[in-house]
N, C-alpha and C. Protein backbone atom coordinates (compact mmCIF):
# COMPACT_ATOMS: atom_id res chain seq x y z
N UNK A 1 -42.52 -43.73 -66.36
CA UNK A 1 -42.67 -42.95 -65.15
C UNK A 1 -41.28 -42.74 -64.55
N UNK A 2 -41.06 -41.56 -64.06
CA UNK A 2 -39.76 -41.18 -63.51
C UNK A 2 -39.53 -41.86 -62.17
N UNK A 3 -38.30 -42.32 -61.96
CA UNK A 3 -37.90 -42.94 -60.71
C UNK A 3 -36.90 -42.02 -60.02
N UNK A 4 -37.16 -41.74 -58.72
CA UNK A 4 -36.30 -40.84 -57.94
C UNK A 4 -35.79 -41.62 -56.75
N UNK A 5 -34.48 -41.54 -56.46
CA UNK A 5 -33.99 -42.26 -55.28
C UNK A 5 -34.40 -41.50 -54.02
N UNK A 6 -34.42 -42.21 -52.92
CA UNK A 6 -34.98 -41.67 -51.69
C UNK A 6 -34.21 -40.44 -51.18
N UNK A 7 -32.91 -40.42 -51.38
CA UNK A 7 -32.11 -39.26 -50.95
C UNK A 7 -32.51 -38.02 -51.75
N UNK A 8 -32.62 -38.15 -53.07
CA UNK A 8 -33.04 -37.01 -53.90
C UNK A 8 -34.47 -36.59 -53.57
N UNK A 9 -35.31 -37.56 -53.23
CA UNK A 9 -36.71 -37.23 -52.89
C UNK A 9 -36.77 -36.40 -51.62
N UNK A 10 -35.97 -36.75 -50.62
CA UNK A 10 -36.00 -35.96 -49.38
C UNK A 10 -35.40 -34.57 -49.60
N UNK A 11 -34.40 -34.49 -50.44
CA UNK A 11 -33.76 -33.21 -50.72
C UNK A 11 -34.69 -32.28 -51.50
N UNK A 12 -35.44 -32.83 -52.44
CA UNK A 12 -36.27 -32.02 -53.33
C UNK A 12 -37.77 -32.28 -53.14
N UNK A 13 -38.17 -32.62 -51.93
CA UNK A 13 -39.55 -33.03 -51.69
C UNK A 13 -40.57 -31.99 -52.12
N UNK A 14 -40.35 -30.74 -51.77
CA UNK A 14 -41.31 -29.69 -52.09
C UNK A 14 -41.54 -29.59 -53.59
N UNK A 15 -40.46 -29.58 -54.35
CA UNK A 15 -40.57 -29.48 -55.81
C UNK A 15 -41.26 -30.71 -56.39
N UNK A 16 -40.89 -31.89 -55.88
CA UNK A 16 -41.49 -33.13 -56.38
C UNK A 16 -42.99 -33.20 -56.08
N UNK A 17 -43.38 -32.75 -54.91
CA UNK A 17 -44.81 -32.74 -54.56
C UNK A 17 -45.56 -31.77 -55.46
N UNK A 18 -44.99 -30.63 -55.72
CA UNK A 18 -45.63 -29.67 -56.63
C UNK A 18 -45.81 -30.28 -58.02
N UNK A 19 -44.79 -30.95 -58.50
CA UNK A 19 -44.88 -31.59 -59.81
C UNK A 19 -45.92 -32.71 -59.82
N UNK A 20 -45.97 -33.49 -58.74
CA UNK A 20 -46.95 -34.56 -58.66
C UNK A 20 -48.37 -33.99 -58.62
N UNK A 21 -48.54 -32.88 -57.93
CA UNK A 21 -49.86 -32.25 -57.87
C UNK A 21 -50.32 -31.77 -59.23
N UNK A 22 -49.36 -31.46 -60.10
CA UNK A 22 -49.68 -31.02 -61.45
C UNK A 22 -49.89 -32.20 -62.39
N UNK A 23 -49.81 -33.42 -61.88
CA UNK A 23 -50.09 -34.59 -62.69
C UNK A 23 -48.88 -35.40 -63.09
N UNK A 24 -47.69 -35.02 -62.64
CA UNK A 24 -46.47 -35.72 -63.00
C UNK A 24 -46.10 -36.73 -61.90
N UNK A 25 -46.71 -37.92 -61.96
CA UNK A 25 -46.47 -38.94 -60.95
C UNK A 25 -45.03 -39.45 -61.04
N UNK A 26 -44.53 -39.98 -59.92
CA UNK A 26 -43.18 -40.53 -59.91
C UNK A 26 -43.08 -41.63 -58.88
N UNK A 27 -41.99 -42.40 -58.95
CA UNK A 27 -41.75 -43.51 -58.03
C UNK A 27 -40.53 -43.18 -57.19
N UNK A 28 -40.62 -43.43 -55.89
CA UNK A 28 -39.47 -43.27 -55.00
C UNK A 28 -38.87 -44.65 -54.79
N UNK A 29 -37.55 -44.74 -55.03
CA UNK A 29 -36.86 -46.03 -54.91
C UNK A 29 -35.73 -45.94 -53.92
N UNK A 30 -35.41 -47.08 -53.32
CA UNK A 30 -34.27 -47.17 -52.40
C UNK A 30 -33.36 -48.26 -52.94
N UNK A 31 -32.13 -47.90 -53.20
CA UNK A 31 -31.15 -48.83 -53.77
C UNK A 31 -31.67 -49.42 -55.08
N UNK A 32 -32.38 -48.60 -55.84
CA UNK A 32 -32.88 -49.05 -57.14
C UNK A 32 -34.18 -49.84 -57.06
N UNK A 33 -34.63 -50.20 -55.86
CA UNK A 33 -35.86 -50.97 -55.70
C UNK A 33 -37.04 -50.02 -55.44
N UNK A 34 -38.06 -50.04 -56.29
CA UNK A 34 -39.20 -49.15 -56.11
C UNK A 34 -39.90 -49.39 -54.77
N UNK A 35 -40.19 -48.31 -54.05
CA UNK A 35 -40.87 -48.41 -52.75
C UNK A 35 -42.29 -47.88 -52.80
N UNK A 36 -42.44 -46.65 -53.30
CA UNK A 36 -43.76 -46.03 -53.33
C UNK A 36 -43.97 -45.28 -54.64
N UNK A 37 -45.24 -45.11 -54.97
CA UNK A 37 -45.61 -44.35 -56.14
C UNK A 37 -46.34 -43.10 -55.65
N UNK A 38 -45.90 -41.94 -56.10
CA UNK A 38 -46.51 -40.68 -55.69
C UNK A 38 -47.36 -40.18 -56.86
N UNK A 39 -48.65 -40.06 -56.62
CA UNK A 39 -49.59 -39.62 -57.65
C UNK A 39 -50.46 -38.51 -57.08
N UNK A 40 -51.00 -37.65 -57.92
CA UNK A 40 -51.87 -36.58 -57.41
C UNK A 40 -53.20 -37.16 -56.94
N UNK A 41 -53.79 -36.51 -55.95
CA UNK A 41 -55.12 -36.90 -55.51
C UNK A 41 -56.13 -36.48 -56.55
N UNK A 42 -57.15 -37.29 -56.73
CA UNK A 42 -58.20 -36.98 -57.67
C UNK A 42 -59.13 -35.95 -57.03
N UNK A 43 -59.12 -34.74 -57.54
CA UNK A 43 -59.94 -33.68 -56.95
C UNK A 43 -61.42 -33.88 -57.24
N UNK A 44 -61.77 -34.74 -58.18
CA UNK A 44 -63.16 -34.99 -58.51
C UNK A 44 -63.79 -36.03 -57.61
N UNK A 45 -63.02 -36.60 -56.72
CA UNK A 45 -63.55 -37.63 -55.83
C UNK A 45 -64.48 -37.01 -54.81
N UNK A 46 -65.62 -37.64 -54.61
CA UNK A 46 -66.61 -37.14 -53.66
C UNK A 46 -66.29 -37.65 -52.26
N UNK A 47 -66.44 -36.81 -51.26
CA UNK A 47 -66.20 -37.27 -49.89
C UNK A 47 -67.29 -38.28 -49.49
N UNK A 48 -66.98 -39.08 -48.49
CA UNK A 48 -67.94 -40.05 -47.99
C UNK A 48 -69.07 -39.29 -47.32
N UNK A 49 -70.28 -39.54 -47.77
CA UNK A 49 -71.44 -38.87 -47.18
C UNK A 49 -72.06 -39.77 -46.13
N UNK A 50 -72.33 -39.21 -45.00
CA UNK A 50 -72.96 -39.97 -43.92
C UNK A 50 -74.45 -39.67 -43.94
N UNK A 51 -75.23 -40.72 -43.96
CA UNK A 51 -76.68 -40.56 -43.99
C UNK A 51 -77.22 -40.57 -42.57
N UNK A 52 -77.97 -39.55 -42.25
CA UNK A 52 -78.59 -39.47 -40.93
C UNK A 52 -79.78 -40.42 -40.91
N UNK A 53 -79.85 -41.21 -39.87
CA UNK A 53 -80.99 -42.09 -39.69
C UNK A 53 -80.91 -43.40 -40.46
N UNK A 54 -79.76 -43.79 -40.96
CA UNK A 54 -79.68 -45.01 -41.75
C UNK A 54 -79.88 -46.27 -40.91
N UNK A 55 -79.78 -46.16 -39.59
CA UNK A 55 -80.03 -47.31 -38.72
C UNK A 55 -81.38 -47.20 -38.01
N UNK A 56 -82.24 -46.32 -38.49
CA UNK A 56 -83.54 -46.12 -37.84
C UNK A 56 -84.31 -47.43 -37.79
N UNK A 57 -84.81 -47.74 -36.60
CA UNK A 57 -85.59 -48.95 -36.41
C UNK A 57 -84.76 -50.19 -36.14
N UNK A 58 -83.46 -50.12 -36.28
CA UNK A 58 -82.60 -51.27 -36.07
C UNK A 58 -81.95 -51.27 -34.69
N UNK A 59 -81.92 -50.11 -34.06
CA UNK A 59 -81.28 -49.99 -32.75
C UNK A 59 -82.29 -49.38 -31.79
N UNK A 60 -82.36 -49.92 -30.58
CA UNK A 60 -83.26 -49.38 -29.57
C UNK A 60 -82.42 -48.87 -28.40
N UNK A 61 -82.62 -47.61 -28.07
CA UNK A 61 -81.91 -47.02 -26.94
C UNK A 61 -82.62 -47.41 -25.66
N UNK A 62 -81.87 -47.65 -24.59
CA UNK A 62 -82.52 -48.00 -23.32
C UNK A 62 -83.32 -46.81 -22.78
N UNK A 63 -84.32 -47.12 -21.97
CA UNK A 63 -85.16 -46.06 -21.41
C UNK A 63 -84.38 -45.12 -20.50
N UNK A 64 -83.35 -45.63 -19.84
CA UNK A 64 -82.56 -44.80 -18.93
C UNK A 64 -81.27 -44.30 -19.59
N UNK A 65 -81.35 -43.92 -20.84
CA UNK A 65 -80.14 -43.53 -21.58
C UNK A 65 -79.46 -42.30 -20.97
N UNK A 66 -80.23 -41.42 -20.35
CA UNK A 66 -79.62 -40.22 -19.74
C UNK A 66 -79.05 -40.50 -18.37
N UNK A 67 -79.46 -41.59 -17.74
CA UNK A 67 -78.96 -41.94 -16.41
C UNK A 67 -78.62 -43.42 -16.35
N UNK A 68 -77.67 -43.86 -17.19
CA UNK A 68 -77.33 -45.28 -17.18
C UNK A 68 -76.69 -45.68 -15.85
N UNK A 69 -77.01 -46.86 -15.41
CA UNK A 69 -76.43 -47.44 -14.19
C UNK A 69 -76.75 -46.62 -12.94
N UNK A 70 -77.86 -45.89 -12.97
CA UNK A 70 -78.21 -45.05 -11.83
C UNK A 70 -78.38 -45.88 -10.56
N UNK A 71 -79.05 -47.01 -10.66
CA UNK A 71 -79.26 -47.85 -9.48
C UNK A 71 -77.95 -48.43 -8.96
N UNK A 72 -77.08 -48.85 -9.88
CA UNK A 72 -75.80 -49.42 -9.48
C UNK A 72 -74.92 -48.38 -8.80
N UNK A 73 -74.92 -47.16 -9.32
CA UNK A 73 -74.11 -46.09 -8.73
C UNK A 73 -74.64 -45.73 -7.35
N UNK A 74 -75.96 -45.63 -7.23
CA UNK A 74 -76.56 -45.33 -5.93
C UNK A 74 -76.20 -46.41 -4.92
N UNK A 75 -76.19 -47.67 -5.35
CA UNK A 75 -75.84 -48.77 -4.45
C UNK A 75 -74.39 -48.68 -4.00
N UNK A 76 -73.52 -48.22 -4.86
CA UNK A 76 -72.10 -48.08 -4.49
C UNK A 76 -71.91 -47.00 -3.42
N UNK A 77 -72.67 -45.89 -3.53
CA UNK A 77 -72.51 -44.80 -2.58
C UNK A 77 -73.30 -45.00 -1.30
N UNK A 78 -74.50 -45.50 -1.44
CA UNK A 78 -75.40 -45.56 -0.29
C UNK A 78 -75.63 -46.99 0.21
N UNK A 79 -75.09 -47.97 -0.46
CA UNK A 79 -75.32 -49.35 -0.09
C UNK A 79 -76.67 -49.84 -0.60
N UNK A 80 -76.90 -51.11 -0.52
CA UNK A 80 -78.17 -51.67 -0.98
C UNK A 80 -79.25 -51.32 0.02
N UNK A 81 -80.34 -50.82 -0.49
CA UNK A 81 -81.44 -50.45 0.39
C UNK A 81 -82.60 -51.37 0.19
């Protein structure tokens, strides 16, 4: 695998990214020490699918979900009645 120093990588980043996207992975090194490996993303990878309703029956919403803390807020404005 080809090793590119960090200065050359910053200078030629666009070209290197294009080459990596075509399958030509490379390593970026600083002072000869490898830092990162640049590889193309796998286009066949499936995105994470979110399932609707996967927590059905496990969570219970409060009855006052549309007006939470209504009594507490009223007490703050109007005092305890």
